[in-house]
PDB file of N, CA and C in Angstrom:
ATOM      1  N   MET A   1      -2.897 -18.307  13.542  1.00  0.00           N
ATOM      2  CA  MET A   1      -3.037 -18.387  12.186  1.00  0.00           C
ATOM      3  C   MET A   1      -4.621 -18.033  11.824  1.00  0.00           C
ATOM      4  N   LEU A   2      -4.746 -17.147  10.911  1.00  0.00           N
ATOM      5  CA  LEU A   2      -5.994 -16.653  10.489  1.00  0.00           C
ATOM      6  C   LEU A   2      -6.709 -17.627   9.537  1.00  0.00           C
ATOM      7  N   ASP A   3      -7.988 -17.671   9.652  1.00  0.00           N
ATOM      8  CA  ASP A   3      -8.754 -18.438   8.563  1.00  0.00           C
ATOM      9  C   ASP A   3      -8.826 -17.655   7.380  1.00  0.00           C
ATOM     10  N   ASP A   4      -9.370 -18.196   6.293  1.00  0.00           N
ATOM     11  CA  ASP A   4      -9.290 -17.433   5.012  1.00  0.00           C
ATOM     12  C   ASP A   4     -10.080 -16.281   4.948  1.00  0.00           C
ATOM     13  N   ALA A   5     -11.292 -16.179   5.468  1.00  0.00           N
ATOM     14  CA  ALA A   5     -12.150 -15.039   5.537  1.00  0.00           C
ATOM     15  C   ALA A   5     -11.508 -13.983   6.429  1.00  0.00           C
ATOM     16  N   ALA A   6     -10.720 -14.284   7.514  1.00  0.00           N
ATOM     17  CA  ALA A   6     -10.176 -13.287   8.298  1.00  0.00           C
ATOM     18  C   ALA A   6      -8.882 -12.645   7.626  1.00  0.00           C
ATOM     19  N   PHE A   7      -8.128 -13.694   6.942  1.00  0.00           N
ATOM     20  CA  PHE A   7      -7.019 -13.221   6.200  1.00  0.00           C
ATOM     21  C   PHE A   7      -7.390 -12.176   5.102  1.00  0.00           C
ATOM     22  N   ARG A   8      -8.512 -12.532   4.458  1.00  0.00           N
ATOM     23  CA  ARG A   8      -8.989 -11.606   3.301  1.00  0.00           C
ATOM     24  C   ARG A   8      -9.397 -10.246   3.840  1.00  0.00           C
ATOM     25  N   ARG A   9      -9.962 -10.288   5.036  1.00  0.00           N
ATOM     26  CA  ARG A   9     -10.338  -8.952   5.655  1.00  0.00           C
ATOM     27  C   ARG A   9      -9.138  -8.093   5.997  1.00  0.00           C
ATOM     28  N   VAL A  10      -8.080  -8.750   6.628  1.00  0.00           N
ATOM     29  CA  VAL A  10      -6.857  -8.167   6.940  1.00  0.00           C
ATOM     30  C   VAL A  10      -6.043  -7.653   5.663  1.00  0.00           C
ATOM     31  N   ALA A  11      -6.149  -8.483   4.709  1.00  0.00           N
ATOM     32  CA  ALA A  11      -5.346  -8.103   3.511  1.00  0.00           C
ATOM     33  C   ALA A  11      -5.992  -6.817   2.760  1.00  0.00           C
ATOM     34  N   ARG A  12      -7.306  -6.935   2.726  1.00  0.00           N
ATOM     35  CA  ARG A  12      -8.152  -5.782   2.171  1.00  0.00           C
ATOM     36  C   ARG A  12      -7.944  -4.541   2.955  1.00  0.00           C
ATOM     37  N   GLY A  13      -7.859  -4.649   4.294  1.00  0.00           N
ATOM     38  CA  GLY A  13      -7.564  -3.465   5.114  1.00  0.00           C
ATOM     39  C   GLY A  13      -6.098  -2.932   4.807  1.00  0.00           C
ATOM     40  N   CYS A  14      -5.139  -3.659   4.650  1.00  0.00           N
ATOM     41  CA  CYS A  14      -3.732  -3.340   4.229  1.00  0.00           C
ATOM     42  C   CYS A  14      -3.763  -2.594   2.952  1.00  0.00           C
ATOM     43  N   GLU A  15      -4.448  -3.260   1.991  1.00  0.00           N
ATOM     44  CA  GLU A  15      -4.540  -2.605   0.701  1.00  0.00           C
ATOM     45  C   GLU A  15      -5.276  -1.234   0.690  1.00  0.00           C
ATOM     46  N   VAL A  16      -6.243  -0.978   1.430  1.00  0.00           N
ATOM     47  CA  VAL A  16      -7.045   0.155   1.538  1.00  0.00           C
ATOM     48  C   VAL A  16      -6.086   1.229   2.198  1.00  0.00           C
ATOM     49  N   PHE A  17      -5.329   0.719   3.222  1.00  0.00           N
ATOM     50  CA  PHE A  17      -4.368   1.664   3.885  1.00  0.00           C
ATOM     51  C   PHE A  17      -3.220   2.158   2.995  1.00  0.00           C
ATOM     52  N   MET A  18      -2.784   1.200   2.102  1.00  0.00           N
ATOM     53  CA  MET A  18      -1.638   1.594   1.170  1.00  0.00           C
ATOM     54  C   MET A  18      -2.185   2.536   0.117  1.00  0.00           C
ATOM     55  N   LEU A  19      -3.337   2.368  -0.413  1.00  0.00           N
ATOM     56  CA  LEU A  19      -4.023   3.128  -1.471  1.00  0.00           C
ATOM     57  C   LEU A  19      -4.382   4.573  -0.800  1.00  0.00           C
ATOM     58  N   ALA A  20      -4.966   4.603   0.333  1.00  0.00           N
ATOM     59  CA  ALA A  20      -5.461   5.897   0.882  1.00  0.00           C
ATOM     60  C   ALA A  20      -4.302   6.710   1.388  1.00  0.00           C
ATOM     61  N   SER A  21      -3.282   6.088   2.011  1.00  0.00           N
ATOM     62  CA  SER A  21      -2.152   7.003   2.555  1.00  0.00           C
ATOM     63  C   SER A  21      -1.435   7.539   1.377  1.00  0.00           C
ATOM     64  N   THR A  22      -1.091   6.841   0.303  1.00  0.00           N
ATOM     65  CA  THR A  22      -0.328   7.213  -0.786  1.00  0.00           C
ATOM     66  C   THR A  22      -1.197   8.125  -1.772  1.00  0.00           C
ATOM     67  N   ALA A  23      -2.432   7.714  -2.012  1.00  0.00           N
ATOM     68  CA  ALA A  23      -3.144   8.703  -2.836  1.00  0.00           C
ATOM     69  C   ALA A  23      -3.444  10.059  -2.323  1.00  0.00           C
ATOM     70  N   ALA A  24      -3.552  10.208  -0.889  1.00  0.00           N
ATOM     71  CA  ALA A  24      -3.838  11.465  -0.292  1.00  0.00           C
ATOM     72  C   ALA A  24      -2.589  12.355  -0.416  1.00  0.00           C
ATOM     73  N   GLY A  25      -1.435  11.778  -0.257  1.00  0.00           N
ATOM     74  CA  GLY A  25      -0.232  12.642  -0.395  1.00  0.00           C
ATOM     75  C   GLY A  25      -0.017  12.967  -1.823  1.00  0.00           C
ATOM     76  N   LEU A  26      -0.244  12.130  -2.789  1.00  0.00           N
ATOM     77  CA  LEU A  26      -0.094  12.498  -4.187  1.00  0.00           C
ATOM     78  C   LEU A  26      -1.101  13.481  -4.648  1.00  0.00           C
ATOM     79  N   LEU A  27      -2.366  13.445  -4.260  1.00  0.00           N
ATOM     80  CA  LEU A  27      -3.309  14.496  -4.510  1.00  0.00           C
ATOM     81  C   LEU A  27      -2.973  15.772  -3.991  1.00  0.00           C
ATOM     82  N   LEU A  28      -2.534  15.893  -2.805  1.00  0.00           N
ATOM     83  CA  LEU A  28      -2.124  17.093  -2.077  1.00  0.00           C
ATOM     84  C   LEU A  28      -0.816  17.616  -2.945  1.00  0.00           C
ATOM     85  N   ALA A  29       0.131  16.822  -3.277  1.00  0.00           N
ATOM     86  CA  ALA A  29       1.284  17.165  -4.008  1.00  0.00           C
ATOM     87  C   ALA A  29       0.893  17.803  -5.411  1.00  0.00           C
ATOM     88  N   TRP A  30      -0.075  17.014  -6.004  1.00  0.00           N
ATOM     89  CA  TRP A  30      -0.519  17.612  -7.343  1.00  0.00           C
ATOM     90  C   TRP A  30      -1.183  19.041  -7.221  1.00  0.00           C
ATOM     91  N   MET A  31      -1.814  19.212  -6.075  1.00  0.00           N
ATOM     92  CA  MET A  31      -2.402  20.603  -5.956  1.00  0.00           C
ATOM     93  C   MET A  31      -1.319  21.659  -5.619  1.00  0.00           C
ATOM     94  N   LEU A  32      -0.229  21.272  -5.018  1.00  0.00           N
ATOM     95  CA  LEU A  32       0.826  22.225  -4.586  1.00  0.00           C
ATOM     96  C   LEU A  32       2.024  22.230  -5.660  1.00  0.00           C
ATOM     97  N   LEU A  33       1.863  21.535  -6.806  1.00  0.00           N
ATOM     98  CA  LEU A  33       3.033  21.147  -7.636  1.00  0.00           C
ATOM     99  C   LEU A  33       3.898  22.242  -8.151  1.00  0.00           C
ATOM    100  N   PRO A  34       3.434  23.421  -8.436  1.00  0.00           N
ATOM    101  CA  PRO A  34       4.425  24.377  -8.830  1.00  0.00           C
ATOM    102  C   PRO A  34       5.404  24.802  -7.937  1.00  0.00           C
ATOM    103  N   SER A  35       5.089  24.513  -6.653  1.00  0.00           N
ATOM    104  CA  SER A  35       5.931  24.999  -5.615  1.00  0.00           C
ATOM    105  C   SER A  35       6.933  23.976  -5.172  1.00  0.00           C
ATOM    106  N   VAL A  36       7.939  24.392  -4.456  1.00  0.00           N
ATOM    107  CA  VAL A  36       8.924  23.409  -3.949  1.00  0.00           C
ATOM    108  C   VAL A  36       8.280  22.458  -2.975  1.00  0.00           C
ATOM    109  N   ALA A  37       7.285  22.878  -2.101  1.00  0.00           N
ATOM    110  CA  ALA A  37       6.601  22.042  -1.175  1.00  0.00           C
ATOM    111  C   ALA A  37       6.020  20.874  -1.951  1.00  0.00           C
ATOM    112  N   GLY A  38       5.342  21.114  -3.194  1.00  0.00           N
ATOM    113  CA  GLY A  38       4.628  20.171  -3.921  1.00  0.00           C
ATOM    114  C   GLY A  38       5.684  19.125  -4.464  1.00  0.00           C
ATOM    115  N   LEU A  39       6.797  19.562  -4.820  1.00  0.00           N
ATOM    116  CA  LEU A  39       7.770  18.594  -5.359  1.00  0.00           C
ATOM    117  C   LEU A  39       8.323  17.731  -4.218  1.00  0.00           C
ATOM    118  N   ILE A  40       8.504  18.336  -3.097  1.00  0.00           N
ATOM    119  CA  ILE A  40       8.969  17.615  -1.875  1.00  0.00           C
ATOM    120  C   ILE A  40       7.950  16.575  -1.500  1.00  0.00           C
ATOM    121  N   LEU A  41       6.674  16.985  -1.472  1.00  0.00           N
ATOM    122  CA  LEU A  41       5.558  16.086  -1.049  1.00  0.00           C
ATOM    123  C   LEU A  41       5.372  15.015  -2.066  1.00  0.00           C
ATOM    124  N   LEU A  42       5.627  15.390  -3.339  1.00  0.00           N
ATOM    125  CA  LEU A  42       5.503  14.352  -4.409  1.00  0.00           C
ATOM    126  C   LEU A  42       6.439  13.280  -4.227  1.00  0.00           C
ATOM    127  N   LEU A  43       7.742  13.715  -3.876  1.00  0.00           N
ATOM    128  CA  LEU A  43       8.820  12.767  -3.817  1.00  0.00           C
ATOM    129  C   LEU A  43       8.516  11.819  -2.382  1.00  0.00           C
ATOM    130  N   ALA A  44       8.150  12.540  -1.430  1.00  0.00           N
ATOM    131  CA  ALA A  44       7.904  11.805  -0.278  1.00  0.00           C
ATOM    132  C   ALA A  44       6.724  10.811  -0.338  1.00  0.00           C
ATOM    133  N   SER A  45       5.670  11.291  -1.012  1.00  0.00           N
ATOM    134  CA  SER A  45       4.589  10.248  -1.183  1.00  0.00           C
ATOM    135  C   SER A  45       5.001   9.148  -2.082  1.00  0.00           C
ATOM    136  N   SER A  46       5.782   9.411  -3.114  1.00  0.00           N
ATOM    137  CA  SER A  46       6.198   8.266  -3.985  1.00  0.00           C
ATOM    138  C   SER A  46       7.079   7.342  -3.095  1.00  0.00           C
ATOM    139  N   ILE A  47       7.972   7.852  -2.228  1.00  0.00           N
ATOM    140  CA  ILE A  47       8.755   6.977  -1.363  1.00  0.00           C
ATOM    141  C   ILE A  47       7.854   6.145  -0.455  1.00  0.00           C
ATOM    142  N   TRP A  48       6.951   6.914   0.140  1.00  0.00           N
ATOM    143  CA  TRP A  48       6.030   6.163   1.090  1.00  0.00           C
ATOM    144  C   TRP A  48       5.303   5.038   0.497  1.00  0.00           C
ATOM    145  N   GLY A  49       4.867   5.324  -0.758  1.00  0.00           N
ATOM    146  CA  GLY A  49       4.072   4.246  -1.508  1.00  0.00           C
ATOM    147  C   GLY A  49       4.945   3.055  -1.751  1.00  0.00           C
ATOM    148  N   MET A  50       6.127   3.314  -2.334  1.00  0.00           N
ATOM    149  CA  MET A  50       7.109   2.295  -2.543  1.00  0.00           C
ATOM    150  C   MET A  50       7.397   1.555  -1.412  1.00  0.00           C
ATOM    151  N   ALA A  51       7.653   2.190  -0.183  1.00  0.00           N
ATOM    152  CA  ALA A  51       8.031   1.481   0.979  1.00  0.00           C
ATOM    153  C   ALA A  51       6.797   0.616   1.476  1.00  0.00           C
ATOM    154  N   ASN A  52       5.696   1.164   1.360  1.00  0.00           N
ATOM    155  CA  ASN A  52       4.416   0.305   1.857  1.00  0.00           C
ATOM    156  C   ASN A  52       4.326  -0.848   0.814  1.00  0.00           C
ATOM    157  N   LEU A  53       4.538  -0.711  -0.420  1.00  0.00           N
ATOM    158  CA  LEU A  53       4.343  -1.785  -1.356  1.00  0.00           C
ATOM    159  C   LEU A  53       5.468  -2.774  -1.038  1.00  0.00           C
ATOM    160  N   LEU A  54       6.628  -2.454  -0.703  1.00  0.00           N
ATOM    161  CA  LEU A  54       7.732  -3.457  -0.436  1.00  0.00           C
ATOM    162  C   LEU A  54       7.464  -4.090   0.885  1.00  0.00           C
ATOM    163  N   THR A  55       7.050  -3.406   1.733  1.00  0.00           N
ATOM    164  CA  THR A  55       6.806  -4.004   3.081  1.00  0.00           C
ATOM    165  C   THR A  55       5.505  -4.877   3.239  1.00  0.00           C
ATOM    166  N   LEU A  56       4.435  -4.118   3.151  1.00  0.00           N
ATOM    167  CA  LEU A  56       3.017  -4.813   3.374  1.00  0.00           C
ATOM    168  C   LEU A  56       2.771  -5.640   2.112  1.00  0.00           C
ATOM    169  N   GLY A  57       2.889  -5.029   0.849  1.00  0.00           N
ATOM    170  CA  GLY A  57       2.580  -5.787  -0.339  1.00  0.00           C
ATOM    171  C   GLY A  57       3.264  -7.039  -0.540  1.00  0.00           C
ATOM    172  N   ARG A  58       4.583  -7.015  -0.235  1.00  0.00           N
ATOM    173  CA  ARG A  58       5.409  -8.245  -0.330  1.00  0.00           C
ATOM    174  C   ARG A  58       4.971  -9.370   0.572  1.00  0.00           C
ATOM    175  N   SER A  59       4.750  -9.122   1.928  1.00  0.00           N
ATOM    176  CA  SER A  59       4.300 -10.053   2.805  1.00  0.00           C
ATOM    177  C   SER A  59       2.887 -10.615   2.475  1.00  0.00           C
ATOM    178  N   LEU A  60       1.940  -9.679   2.018  1.00  0.00           N
ATOM    179  CA  LEU A  60       0.714 -10.202   1.587  1.00  0.00           C
ATOM    180  C   LEU A  60       0.744 -11.027   0.379  1.00  0.00           C
ATOM    181  N   SER A  61       1.565 -10.720  -0.651  1.00  0.00           N
ATOM    182  CA  SER A  61       1.646 -11.576  -1.794  1.00  0.00           C
ATOM    183  C   SER A  61       2.283 -12.927  -1.412  1.00  0.00           C
ATOM    184  N   ALA A  62       3.237 -12.997  -0.591  1.00  0.00           N
ATOM    185  CA  ALA A  62       3.848 -14.219  -0.171  1.00  0.00           C
ATOM    186  C   ALA A  62       2.695 -15.080   0.555  1.00  0.00           C
ATOM    187  N   GLU A  63       1.988 -14.456   1.375  1.00  0.00           N
ATOM    188  CA  GLU A  63       1.020 -15.293   2.188  1.00  0.00           C
ATOM    189  C   GLU A  63      -0.178 -15.675   1.221  1.00  0.00           C
ATOM    190  N   ARG A  64      -0.412 -14.889   0.288  1.00  0.00           N
ATOM    191  CA  ARG A  64      -1.525 -15.326  -0.751  1.00  0.00           C
ATOM    192  C   ARG A  64      -1.050 -16.542  -1.400  1.00  0.00           C
ATOM    193  N   ARG A  65       0.221 -16.484  -1.930  1.00  0.00           N
ATOM    194  CA  ARG A  65       0.827 -17.497  -2.734  1.00  0.00           C
ATOM    195  C   ARG A  65       0.794 -18.846  -1.812  1.00  0.00           C
ATOM    196  N   ARG A  66       1.212 -18.560  -0.583  1.00  0.00           N
ATOM    197  CA  ARG A  66       1.294 -19.846   0.265  1.00  0.00           C
ATOM    198  C   ARG A  66      -0.081 -20.386   0.526  1.00  0.00           C
ATOM    199  N   ARG A  67      -1.124 -19.641   0.643  1.00  0.00           N
ATOM    200  CA  ARG A  67      -2.414 -20.140   0.809  1.00  0.00           C
ATOM    201  C   ARG A  67      -2.986 -20.881  -0.474  1.00  0.00           C
ATOM    202  N   SER A  68      -2.596 -20.201  -1.543  1.00  0.00           N
ATOM    203  CA  SER A  68      -3.087 -20.860  -2.860  1.00  0.00           C
ATOM    204  C   SER A  68      -2.477 -22.195  -3.063  1.00  0.00           C
ATOM    205  N   VAL A  69      -1.181 -22.413  -2.693  1.00  0.00           N
ATOM    206  CA  VAL A  69      -0.562 -23.716  -2.814  1.00  0.00           C
ATOM    207  C   VAL A  69      -1.208 -24.715  -1.859  1.00  0.00           C
ATOM    208  N   HIS A  70      -1.551 -24.380  -0.656  1.00  0.00           N
ATOM    209  CA  HIS A  70      -2.155 -25.281   0.221  1.00  0.00           C
ATOM    210  C   HIS A  70      -3.610 -25.565  -0.154  1.00  0.00           C
ATOM    211  N   THR A  71      -4.255 -24.854  -0.739  1.00  0.00           N
ATOM    212  CA  THR A  71      -5.691 -25.077  -1.182  1.00  0.00           C
ATOM    213  C   THR A  71      -5.793 -25.860  -2.396  1.00  0.00           C
ATOM    214  N   ARG A  72      -4.860 -26.043  -3.194  1.00  0.00           N
ATOM    215  CA  ARG A  72      -4.860 -26.844  -4.482  1.00  0.00           C
ATOM    216  C   ARG A  72      -4.855 -28.404  -4.156  1.00  0.00           C
TER     217      ARG A  72
END
C-alpha cells in the first residue's frame, strides 16, 4: 500500500503518460491529416486515448475515491 505522497506521484505519472502518449499521436495525425495515413493515425490515437482512460483513469479514479472516503 502506498502512502498518500507516493500515490500522488504515481497517479501524476500515469496522467502524464496518458496525455503525452495520446497528444503526440494526435499532433502527428493532425500534421498528416489530408492523407489516409493521417486518418488512420487519428483513429488509432483516439482509440489509444480512450483505452488509456478506461484502464488507467478508471483505476486511478476508484483509488482516489477510496482514499477520500478513508480520510474524512
